[in-house]
Amino acid sequence: MLLAVAESVDVPALIRARLPELSPNDRRIAAWLLEHEAEAPFQTAESLARGAGVSKAAVVRFGSRLGFGGYAGLSDAMAGAASQRLARQGGGGRAAPHGSLLDRWLSACLGDLEATRNAISDVLLDRVATLLLAGDGRTYVFGQRKSASLAEYAFFLLSPLVPNVQLIASGTASLADLLLDVHAGDRLLVLTFRPYARLAGEVIEFFRQAGGSIILISDDALGPPARLADHVLVCAPDSPGPFASAVGGMFVVEAVAAAVAERVTDEGRQAAARALWGRFGTY
């Protein structure tokens, strides 16, 4: 389908959503565009080809595969998106750039949520939910630093829905014990954001070597942790303050749990979970 430039396409979000189906050449072009978003609208097909290390014909085909009819349409879309970003920064967005902290934070969070939604297709979310409910293996959930609280929240949401969910504690001793029985039928839901925790990368590599499936929630579909994942759910980490917001990660965690809940037919398990929470989990 040919996309209309007037539709104001979020090109980076579109690229991230299409990453799983791109060829190696296309992924090189995508990586260059995502890493040089500010200068991308000013590139010719030739200069982009040189920067990405591919041929000019590959750049033209990339534009066609994304639905722009070639590189000219892709370039126009990137230029239009850049103009809109500048307009928003100049005061045409949700909140004035010099507004109160609450207004600036709200504007950034809303932008994160929109970018995160655009980067995750319905098909990808369906595949992730299907994988979490497939087979009889265990589902391990892991995250460190900021990701640790999101991992615990994911464990809390998934436990009543998915059998055999295990939260991996970040301490090295307990980590070794928990990973001892990992096998090919198991799944890992791992969360990690820049700067990436080294231990998270090691856990991902261990699962890949064991033949397990890996679902990654992260801020970059082309980052080091993504190369071994079966599915990557990308969430935007923007913020107007000194640290990256976790609102995108929480949105993805809840969306995954909601997608799983829609597919769960074991009402008895859910009822038992509610009864147990009523007896042991709440006052």
C-alpha atoms as a PDB file:
ATOM      1  CA  MET A   1       0.000   0.000   0.000  1.00  0.00           C
ATOM      2  CA  LEU A   2       1.345   3.422  -0.968  1.00  0.00           C
ATOM      3  CA  LEU A   3       1.380   5.833   1.954  1.00  0.00           C
ATOM      4  CA  ALA A   4       0.404   9.455   1.494  1.00  0.00           C
ATOM      5  CA  VAL A   5       2.899  11.989   2.814  1.00  0.00           C
ATOM      6  CA  ALA A   6      -0.015  14.169   3.899  1.00  0.00           C
ATOM      7  CA  GLU A   7      -0.909  11.493   6.416  1.00  0.00           C
ATOM      8  CA  SER A   8       2.048  12.667   8.539  1.00  0.00           C
ATOM      9  CA  VAL A   9       3.681   9.265   8.920  1.00  0.00           C
ATOM     10  CA  ASP A  10       5.948   8.765  11.933  1.00  0.00           C
ATOM     11  CA  VAL A  11       8.799   7.269   9.912  1.00  0.00           C
ATOM     12  CA  PRO A  12      10.996   6.087  12.828  1.00  0.00           C
ATOM     13  CA  ALA A  13       8.013   4.347  14.433  1.00  0.00           C
ATOM     14  CA  LEU A  14       7.090   2.777  11.098  1.00  0.00           C
ATOM     15  CA  ILE A  15      10.656   1.520  10.632  1.00  0.00           C
ATOM     16  CA  ARG A  16      10.741  -0.006  14.137  1.00  0.00           C
ATOM     17  CA  ALA A  17       7.399  -1.733  13.579  1.00  0.00           C
ATOM     18  CA  ARG A  18       8.630  -3.264  10.300  1.00  0.00           C
ATOM     19  CA  LEU A  19      12.076  -4.359  11.562  1.00  0.00           C
ATOM     20  CA  PRO A  20      11.202  -8.063  12.028  1.00  0.00           C
ATOM     21  CA  GLU A  21      10.389  -8.436   8.320  1.00  0.00           C
ATOM     22  CA  LEU A  22      13.319  -6.447   6.894  1.00  0.00           C
ATOM     23  CA  SER A  23      16.214  -7.980   4.978  1.00  0.00           C
ATOM     24  CA  PRO A  24      19.828  -7.542   6.212  1.00  0.00           C
ATOM     25  CA  ASN A  25      20.360  -4.684   3.732  1.00  0.00           C
ATOM     26  CA  ASP A  26      17.127  -3.027   4.817  1.00  0.00           C
ATOM     27  CA  ARG A  27      18.129  -3.348   8.468  1.00  0.00           C
ATOM     28  CA  ARG A  28      21.405  -1.542   7.756  1.00  0.00           C
ATOM     29  CA  ILE A  29      19.475   1.309   6.172  1.00  0.00           C
ATOM     30  CA  ALA A  30      16.980   1.304   9.038  1.00  0.00           C
ATOM     31  CA  ALA A  31      19.771   1.404  11.621  1.00  0.00           C
ATOM     32  CA  TRP A  32      21.390   4.393   9.917  1.00  0.00           C
ATOM     33  CA  LEU A  33      18.106   6.304   9.709  1.00  0.00           C
ATOM     34  CA  LEU A  34      17.239   5.644  13.341  1.00  0.00           C
ATOM     35  CA  GLU A  35      20.711   6.644  14.519  1.00  0.00           C
ATOM     36  CA  HIS A  36      20.753   9.832  12.374  1.00  0.00           C
ATOM     37  CA  GLU A  37      17.125  10.899  12.623  1.00  0.00           C
ATOM     38  CA  ALA A  38      17.909  14.636  12.675  1.00  0.00           C
ATOM     39  CA  GLU A  39      20.021  14.603   9.503  1.00  0.00           C
ATOM     40  CA  ALA A  40      18.112  11.881   7.623  1.00  0.00           C
ATOM     41  CA  PRO A  41      15.683  14.288   5.859  1.00  0.00           C
ATOM     42  CA  PHE A  42      18.638  16.047   4.189  1.00  0.00           C
ATOM     43  CA  GLN A  43      20.206  12.924   2.689  1.00  0.00           C
ATOM     44  CA  THR A  44      20.099  11.981  -0.957  1.00  0.00           C
ATOM     45  CA  ALA A  45      19.698   8.350  -1.948  1.00  0.00           C
ATOM     46  CA  GLU A  46      23.416   8.316  -2.785  1.00  0.00           C
ATOM     47  CA  SER A  47      24.592   9.802   0.524  1.00  0.00           C
ATOM     48  CA  LEU A  48      22.303   7.536   2.532  1.00  0.00           C
ATOM     49  CA  ALA A  49      23.603   4.532   0.613  1.00  0.00           C
ATOM     50  CA  ARG A  50      27.191   5.511   1.447  1.00  0.00           C
ATOM     51  CA  GLY A  51      26.363   6.031   5.101  1.00  0.00           C
ATOM     52  CA  ALA A  52      24.569   2.696   5.434  1.00  0.00           C
ATOM     53  CA  GLY A  53      27.073   0.777   3.311  1.00  0.00           C
ATOM     54  CA  VAL A  54      24.560  -0.365   0.709  1.00  0.00           C
ATOM     55  CA  SER A  55      23.757   0.420  -2.915  1.00  0.00           C
ATOM     56  CA  LYS A  56      21.567   3.277  -4.112  1.00  0.00           C
ATOM     57  CA  ALA A  57      19.162   0.696  -5.543  1.00  0.00           C
ATOM     58  CA  ALA A  58      18.817  -0.856  -2.064  1.00  0.00           C
ATOM     59  CA  VAL A  59      17.840   2.548  -0.652  1.00  0.00           C
ATOM     60  CA  VAL A  60      15.187   3.002  -3.355  1.00  0.00           C
ATOM     61  CA  ARG A  61      13.809  -0.497  -2.700  1.00  0.00           C
ATOM     62  CA  PHE A  62      13.741   0.259   1.036  1.00  0.00           C
ATOM     63  CA  GLY A  63      11.513   3.270   0.417  1.00  0.00           C
ATOM     64  CA  SER A  64       9.220   1.150  -1.725  1.00  0.00           C
ATOM     65  CA  ARG A  65       8.961  -1.630   0.847  1.00  0.00           C
ATOM     66  CA  LEU A  66       7.922   0.883   3.505  1.00  0.00           C
ATOM     67  CA  GLY A  67       5.094   2.025   1.244  1.00  0.00           C
ATOM     68  CA  PHE A  68       6.485   5.338  -0.050  1.00  0.00           C
ATOM     69  CA  GLY A  69       6.945   4.274  -3.669  1.00  0.00           C
ATOM     70  CA  GLY A  70      10.713   4.806  -3.507  1.00  0.00           C
ATOM     71  CA  TYR A  71      13.257   6.989  -1.782  1.00  0.00           C
ATOM     72  CA  ALA A  72      11.727  10.297  -2.913  1.00  0.00           C
ATOM     73  CA  GLY A  73       8.498   9.561  -1.048  1.00  0.00           C
ATOM     74  CA  LEU A  74      10.399   8.380   2.021  1.00  0.00           C
ATOM     75  CA  SER A  75      12.521  11.541   1.993  1.00  0.00           C
ATOM     76  CA  ASP A  76       9.413  13.740   1.760  1.00  0.00           C
ATOM     77  CA  ALA A  77       7.848  11.908   4.700  1.00  0.00           C
ATOM     78  CA  MET A  78      10.979  12.347   6.827  1.00  0.00           C
ATOM     79  CA  ALA A  79      11.126  16.055   5.941  1.00  0.00           C
ATOM     80  CA  GLY A  80       7.457  16.514   6.848  1.00  0.00           C
ATOM     81  CA  ALA A  81       7.937  14.768  10.180  1.00  0.00           C
ATOM     82  CA  ALA A  82      10.982  16.944  10.921  1.00  0.00           C
ATOM     83  CA  SER A  83       8.970  20.096  10.196  1.00  0.00           C
ATOM     84  CA  GLN A  84       6.229  18.971  12.564  1.00  0.00           C
ATOM     85  CA  ARG A  85       8.773  18.260  15.308  1.00  0.00           C
ATOM     86  CA  LEU A  86      10.161  21.763  14.924  1.00  0.00           C
ATOM     87  CA  ALA A  87       6.647  23.220  15.038  1.00  0.00           C
ATOM     88  CA  ARG A  88       5.888  21.345  18.251  1.00  0.00           C
ATOM     89  CA  GLN A  89       9.157  22.510  19.796  1.00  0.00           C
ATOM     90  CA  GLY A  90       8.210  26.036  18.828  1.00  0.00           C
ATOM     91  CA  GLY A  91       5.013  25.917  20.868  1.00  0.00           C
ATOM     92  CA  GLY A  92       2.569  24.051  18.650  1.00  0.00           C
ATOM     93  CA  GLY A  93       2.602  20.840  20.705  1.00  0.00           C
ATOM     94  CA  ARG A  94       0.625  19.767  23.714  1.00  0.00           C
ATOM     95  CA  ALA A  95       2.438  22.012  26.172  1.00  0.00           C
ATOM     96  CA  ALA A  96       4.700  25.020  25.940  1.00  0.00           C
ATOM     97  CA  PRO A  97       8.380  24.060  26.266  1.00  0.00           C
ATOM     98  CA  HIS A  98       8.746  26.487  29.204  1.00  0.00           C
ATOM     99  CA  GLY A  99       5.594  25.376  31.035  1.00  0.00           C
ATOM    100  CA  SER A 100       5.494  23.820  34.483  1.00  0.00           C
ATOM    101  CA  LEU A 101       7.316  20.576  35.163  1.00  0.00           C
ATOM    102  CA  LEU A 102       4.005  18.710  35.354  1.00  0.00           C
ATOM    103  CA  ASP A 103       2.957  20.029  31.937  1.00  0.00           C
ATOM    104  CA  ARG A 104       6.315  19.247  30.367  1.00  0.00           C
ATOM    105  CA  TRP A 105       6.382  15.776  31.903  1.00  0.00           C
ATOM    106  CA  LEU A 106       2.824  15.059  30.801  1.00  0.00           C
ATOM    107  CA  SER A 107       3.633  16.161  27.258  1.00  0.00           C
ATOM    108  CA  ALA A 108       6.705  13.915  27.155  1.00  0.00           C
ATOM    109  CA  CYS A 109       4.808  10.932  28.573  1.00  0.00           C
ATOM    110  CA  LEU A 110       1.985  11.320  26.077  1.00  0.00           C
ATOM    111  CA  GLY A 111       4.546  11.504  23.299  1.00  0.00           C
ATOM    112  CA  ASP A 112       6.206   8.353  24.639  1.00  0.00           C
ATOM    113  CA  LEU A 113       2.913   6.490  24.663  1.00  0.00           C
ATOM    114  CA  GLU A 114       2.083   7.499  21.097  1.00  0.00           C
ATOM    115  CA  ALA A 115       5.562   6.585  19.839  1.00  0.00           C
ATOM    116  CA  THR A 116       5.446   3.270  21.685  1.00  0.00           C
ATOM    117  CA  ARG A 117       2.039   2.409  20.271  1.00  0.00           C
ATOM    118  CA  ASN A 118       3.187   3.237  16.747  1.00  0.00           C
ATOM    119  CA  ALA A 119       6.296   1.071  17.135  1.00  0.00           C
ATOM    120  CA  ILE A 120       4.352  -2.079  18.117  1.00  0.00           C
ATOM    121  CA  SER A 121       2.017  -3.679  15.631  1.00  0.00           C
ATOM    122  CA  ASP A 122      -1.103  -5.585  16.630  1.00  0.00           C
ATOM    123  CA  VAL A 123       0.358  -8.632  14.891  1.00  0.00           C
ATOM    124  CA  LEU A 124       3.514  -8.485  17.025  1.00  0.00           C
ATOM    125  CA  LEU A 125       1.529  -8.179  20.256  1.00  0.00           C
ATOM    126  CA  ASP A 126      -0.603 -11.146  19.201  1.00  0.00           C
ATOM    127  CA  ARG A 127       2.510 -13.244  18.546  1.00  0.00           C
ATOM    128  CA  VAL A 128       3.941 -12.372  21.960  1.00  0.00           C
ATOM    129  CA  ALA A 129       0.708 -13.300  23.756  1.00  0.00           C
ATOM    130  CA  THR A 130       0.482 -16.547  21.796  1.00  0.00           C
ATOM    131  CA  LEU A 131       4.080 -17.453  22.693  1.00  0.00           C
ATOM    132  CA  LEU A 132       3.509 -16.803  26.407  1.00  0.00           C
ATOM    133  CA  LEU A 133       0.591 -19.243  26.378  1.00  0.00           C
ATOM    134  CA  ALA A 134       2.209 -21.893  24.166  1.00  0.00           C
ATOM    135  CA  GLY A 135       3.334 -25.290  25.446  1.00  0.00           C
ATOM    136  CA  ASP A 136       3.989 -26.468  28.984  1.00  0.00           C
ATOM    137  CA  GLY A 137       7.295 -24.708  29.635  1.00  0.00           C
ATOM    138  CA  ARG A 138       7.958 -22.085  32.258  1.00  0.00           C
ATOM    139  CA  THR A 139       7.935 -18.330  31.726  1.00  0.00           C
ATOM    140  CA  TYR A 140      10.794 -16.457  33.390  1.00  0.00           C
ATOM    141  CA  VAL A 141      10.592 -12.694  33.950  1.00  0.00           C
ATOM    142  CA  PHE A 142      13.758 -10.648  34.471  1.00  0.00           C
ATOM    143  CA  GLY A 143      14.900  -7.048  34.744  1.00  0.00           C
ATOM    144  CA  GLN A 144      17.534  -5.041  36.589  1.00  0.00           C
ATOM    145  CA  ARG A 145      17.789  -1.518  37.986  1.00  0.00           C
ATOM    146  CA  LYS A 146      14.746   0.432  36.730  1.00  0.00           C
ATOM    147  CA  SER A 147      13.630  -2.662  34.837  1.00  0.00           C
ATOM    148  CA  ALA A 148      13.458  -4.708  38.046  1.00  0.00           C
ATOM    149  CA  SER A 149      10.284  -2.968  39.216  1.00  0.00           C
ATOM    150  CA  LEU A 150       8.713  -3.372  35.770  1.00  0.00           C
ATOM    151  CA  ALA A 151       9.664  -7.061  35.764  1.00  0.00           C
ATOM    152  CA  GLU A 152       8.026  -7.524  39.158  1.00  0.00           C
ATOM    153  CA  TYR A 153       4.893  -5.791  37.853  1.00  0.00           C
ATOM    154  CA  ALA A 154       4.861  -8.048  34.781  1.00  0.00           C
ATOM    155  CA  PHE A 155       5.179 -11.086  37.063  1.00  0.00           C
ATOM    156  CA  PHE A 156       2.275  -9.794  39.185  1.00  0.00           C
ATOM    157  CA  LEU A 157       0.034  -9.355  36.122  1.00  0.00           C
ATOM    158  CA  LEU A 158       0.945 -12.609  34.354  1.00  0.00           C
ATOM    159  CA  SER A 159       0.934 -14.998  37.328  1.00  0.00           C
ATOM    160  CA  PRO A 160      -2.873 -15.403  37.455  1.00  0.00           C
ATOM    161  CA  LEU A 161      -3.001 -15.891  33.682  1.00  0.00           C
ATOM    162  CA  VAL A 162       0.009 -18.011  32.687  1.00  0.00           C
ATOM    163  CA  PRO A 163       1.011 -21.257  34.429  1.00  0.00           C
ATOM    164  CA  ASN A 164       4.551 -21.595  35.781  1.00  0.00           C
ATOM    165  CA  VAL A 165       5.639 -17.953  35.813  1.00  0.00           C
ATOM    166  CA  GLN A 166       8.928 -17.375  37.648  1.00  0.00           C
ATOM    167  CA  LEU A 167      10.394 -14.008  38.627  1.00  0.00           C
ATOM    168  CA  ILE A 168      14.189 -14.094  38.425  1.00  0.00           C
ATOM    169  CA  ALA A 169      15.783 -12.258  41.333  1.00  0.00           C
ATOM    170  CA  SER A 170      18.776 -10.098  40.395  1.00  0.00           C
ATOM    171  CA  GLY A 171      21.154 -11.520  42.996  1.00  0.00           C
ATOM    172  CA  THR A 172      23.788 -13.722  41.324  1.00  0.00           C
ATOM    173  CA  ALA A 173      23.413 -16.657  43.744  1.00  0.00           C
ATOM    174  CA  SER A 174      19.649 -16.964  43.357  1.00  0.00           C
ATOM    175  CA  LEU A 175      19.992 -16.289  39.634  1.00  0.00           C
ATOM    176  CA  ALA A 176      22.189 -19.347  39.127  1.00  0.00           C
ATOM    177  CA  ASP A 177      19.759 -21.526  41.078  1.00  0.00           C
ATOM    178  CA  LEU A 178      16.738 -20.305  39.127  1.00  0.00           C
ATOM    179  CA  LEU A 179      18.353 -20.809  35.734  1.00  0.00           C
ATOM    180  CA  LEU A 180      19.604 -24.311  36.515  1.00  0.00           C
ATOM    181  CA  ASP A 181      16.616 -26.104  34.939  1.00  0.00           C
ATOM    182  CA  VAL A 182      15.992 -23.874  31.905  1.00  0.00           C
ATOM    183  CA  HIS A 183      15.262 -25.919  28.769  1.00  0.00           C
ATOM    184  CA  ALA A 184      14.119 -25.429  25.185  1.00  0.00           C
ATOM    185  CA  GLY A 185      10.426 -25.198  26.034  1.00  0.00           C
ATOM    186  CA  ASP A 186      10.858 -22.241  28.385  1.00  0.00           C
ATOM    187  CA  ARG A 187      10.328 -18.538  27.682  1.00  0.00           C
ATOM    188  CA  LEU A 188      12.097 -15.428  28.917  1.00  0.00           C
ATOM    189  CA  LEU A 189      10.362 -12.055  29.205  1.00  0.00           C
ATOM    190  CA  VAL A 190      13.237  -9.646  29.785  1.00  0.00           C
ATOM    191  CA  LEU A 191      13.233  -5.878  30.209  1.00  0.00           C
ATOM    192  CA  THR A 192      16.335  -3.743  29.724  1.00  0.00           C
ATOM    193  CA  PHE A 193      16.934  -0.109  28.792  1.00  0.00           C
ATOM    194  CA  ARG A 194      19.999   1.988  28.045  1.00  0.00           C
ATOM    195  CA  PRO A 195      22.519   1.847  29.584  1.00  0.00           C
ATOM    196  CA  TYR A 196      21.952  -1.890  29.243  1.00  0.00           C
ATOM    197  CA  ALA A 197      22.676  -4.076  32.263  1.00  0.00           C
ATOM    198  CA  ARG A 198      25.440  -6.555  31.479  1.00  0.00           C
ATOM    199  CA  LEU A 199      23.713  -9.282  33.486  1.00  0.00           C
ATOM    200  CA  ALA A 200      20.571  -8.911  31.374  1.00  0.00           C
ATOM    201  CA  GLY A 201      22.638  -9.582  28.250  1.00  0.00           C
ATOM    202  CA  GLU A 202      24.179 -12.663  29.873  1.00  0.00           C
ATOM    203  CA  VAL A 203      20.741 -14.025  30.828  1.00  0.00           C
ATOM    204  CA  ILE A 204      19.531 -13.500  27.246  1.00  0.00           C
ATOM    205  CA  GLU A 205      22.575 -15.342  25.872  1.00  0.00           C
ATOM    206  CA  PHE A 206      22.052 -18.187  28.342  1.00  0.00           C
ATOM    207  CA  PHE A 207      18.428 -18.616  27.267  1.00  0.00           C
ATOM    208  CA  ARG A 208      19.391 -18.574  23.600  1.00  0.00           C
ATOM    209  CA  GLN A 209      22.036 -21.256  24.198  1.00  0.00           C
ATOM    210  CA  ALA A 210      19.486 -23.337  26.109  1.00  0.00           C
ATOM    211  CA  GLY A 211      17.063 -23.104  23.184  1.00  0.00           C
ATOM    212  CA  GLY A 212      14.457 -21.039  25.023  1.00  0.00           C
ATOM    213  CA  SER A 213      12.315 -18.322  23.466  1.00  0.00           C
ATOM    214  CA  ILE A 214      13.029 -14.662  24.272  1.00  0.00           C
ATOM    215  CA  ILE A 215      10.642 -11.708  24.406  1.00  0.00           C
ATOM    216  CA  LEU A 216      12.469  -8.413  24.896  1.00  0.00           C
ATOM    217  CA  ILE A 217      10.983  -5.122  26.073  1.00  0.00           C
ATOM    218  CA  SER A 218      13.545  -2.415  25.397  1.00  0.00           C
ATOM    219  CA  ASP A 219      14.116   1.060  23.972  1.00  0.00           C
ATOM    220  CA  ASP A 220      15.929   0.032  20.784  1.00  0.00           C
ATOM    221  CA  ALA A 221      15.041  -2.733  18.338  1.00  0.00           C
ATOM    222  CA  LEU A 222      18.593  -2.627  16.987  1.00  0.00           C
ATOM    223  CA  GLY A 223      20.451  -2.565  20.321  1.00  0.00           C
ATOM    224  CA  PRO A 224      22.758  -5.401  21.472  1.00  0.00           C
ATOM    225  CA  PRO A 225      20.069  -7.206  23.535  1.00  0.00           C
ATOM    226  CA  ALA A 226      17.747  -7.368  20.514  1.00  0.00           C
ATOM    227  CA  ARG A 227      19.987  -9.495  18.305  1.00  0.00           C
ATOM    228  CA  LEU A 228      19.103 -12.712  20.172  1.00  0.00           C
ATOM    229  CA  ALA A 229      15.431 -12.027  20.891  1.00  0.00           C
ATOM    230  CA  ASP A 230      12.566 -13.729  19.094  1.00  0.00           C
ATOM    231  CA  HIS A 231      10.304 -10.708  19.571  1.00  0.00           C
ATOM    232  CA  VAL A 232      11.231  -7.119  20.471  1.00  0.00           C
ATOM    233  CA  LEU A 233       8.681  -4.678  21.884  1.00  0.00           C
ATOM    234  CA  VAL A 234      10.119  -1.157  21.613  1.00  0.00           C
ATOM    235  CA  CYS A 235       9.059   1.625  23.968  1.00  0.00           C
ATOM    236  CA  ALA A 236      10.140   5.248  23.816  1.00  0.00           C
ATOM    237  CA  PRO A 237      12.192   6.615  26.757  1.00  0.00           C
ATOM    238  CA  ASP A 238      11.740  10.383  26.297  1.00  0.00           C
ATOM    239  CA  SER A 239      11.448  12.811  29.221  1.00  0.00           C
ATOM    240  CA  PRO A 240      12.074  16.483  29.979  1.00  0.00           C
ATOM    241  CA  GLY A 241      14.018  15.639  33.127  1.00  0.00           C
ATOM    242  CA  PRO A 242      17.309  14.073  34.243  1.00  0.00           C
ATOM    243  CA  PHE A 243      16.199  10.453  33.755  1.00  0.00           C
ATOM    244  CA  ALA A 244      14.282   8.457  31.161  1.00  0.00           C
ATOM    245  CA  SER A 245      10.599   7.872  31.832  1.00  0.00           C
ATOM    246  CA  ALA A 246       9.347   4.326  32.481  1.00  0.00           C
ATOM    247  CA  VAL A 247       5.821   5.091  31.293  1.00  0.00           C
ATOM    248  CA  GLY A 248       6.420   3.434  27.906  1.00  0.00           C
ATOM    249  CA  GLY A 249       7.690   0.258  29.555  1.00  0.00           C
ATOM    250  CA  MET A 250       4.699   0.105  31.893  1.00  0.00           C
ATOM    251  CA  PHE A 251       2.344   0.604  28.954  1.00  0.00           C
ATOM    252  CA  VAL A 252       3.931  -2.327  27.100  1.00  0.00           C
ATOM    253  CA  VAL A 253       3.874  -4.596  30.165  1.00  0.00           C
ATOM    254  CA  GLU A 254       0.178  -3.911  30.707  1.00  0.00           C
ATOM    255  CA  ALA A 255      -0.603  -4.325  26.993  1.00  0.00           C
ATOM    256  CA  VAL A 256       1.123  -7.731  26.950  1.00  0.00           C
ATOM    257  CA  ALA A 257      -0.798  -8.850  30.043  1.00  0.00           C
ATOM    258  CA  ALA A 258      -4.074  -7.592  28.551  1.00  0.00           C
ATOM    259  CA  ALA A 259      -3.401  -9.457  25.299  1.00  0.00           C
ATOM    260  CA  VAL A 260      -2.733 -12.645  27.268  1.00  0.00           C
ATOM    261  CA  ALA A 261      -5.877 -12.134  29.359  1.00  0.00           C
ATOM    262  CA  GLU A 262      -8.000 -11.937  26.216  1.00  0.00           C
ATOM    263  CA  ARG A 263      -6.782 -15.394  25.192  1.00  0.00           C
ATOM    264  CA  VAL A 264      -6.988 -17.169  28.544  1.00  0.00           C
ATOM    265  CA  THR A 265      -9.874 -19.637  28.741  1.00  0.00           C
ATOM    266  CA  ASP A 266      -8.967 -21.163  32.115  1.00  0.00           C
ATOM    267  CA  GLU A 267     -11.536 -19.336  34.249  1.00  0.00           C
ATOM    268  CA  GLY A 268     -10.900 -21.787  37.064  1.00  0.00           C
ATOM    269  CA  ARG A 269      -7.279 -20.699  37.338  1.00  0.00           C
ATOM    270  CA  GLN A 270      -8.245 -17.023  37.408  1.00  0.00           C
ATOM    271  CA  ALA A 271     -10.906 -17.652  40.052  1.00  0.00           C
ATOM    272  CA  ALA A 272      -8.415 -19.591  42.184  1.00  0.00           C
ATOM    273  CA  ALA A 273      -5.896 -16.765  41.855  1.00  0.00           C
ATOM    274  CA  ARG A 274      -8.480 -14.215  42.966  1.00  0.00           C
ATOM    275  CA  ALA A 275      -9.438 -16.393  45.931  1.00  0.00           C
ATOM    276  CA  LEU A 276      -5.820 -16.802  47.001  1.00  0.00           C
ATOM    277  CA  TRP A 277      -5.173 -13.082  46.717  1.00  0.00           C
ATOM    278  CA  GLY A 278      -8.272 -12.470  48.772  1.00  0.00           C
ATOM    279  CA  ARG A 279      -7.031 -14.794  51.509  1.00  0.00           C
ATOM    280  CA  PHE A 280      -3.270 -14.135  51.546  1.00  0.00           C
ATOM    281  CA  GLY A 281      -2.631 -11.024  49.479  1.00  0.00           C
ATOM    282  CA  THR A 282      -4.905  -8.305  50.787  1.00  0.00           C
ATOM    283  CA  TYR A 283      -6.391  -6.974  54.025  1.00  0.00           C
END
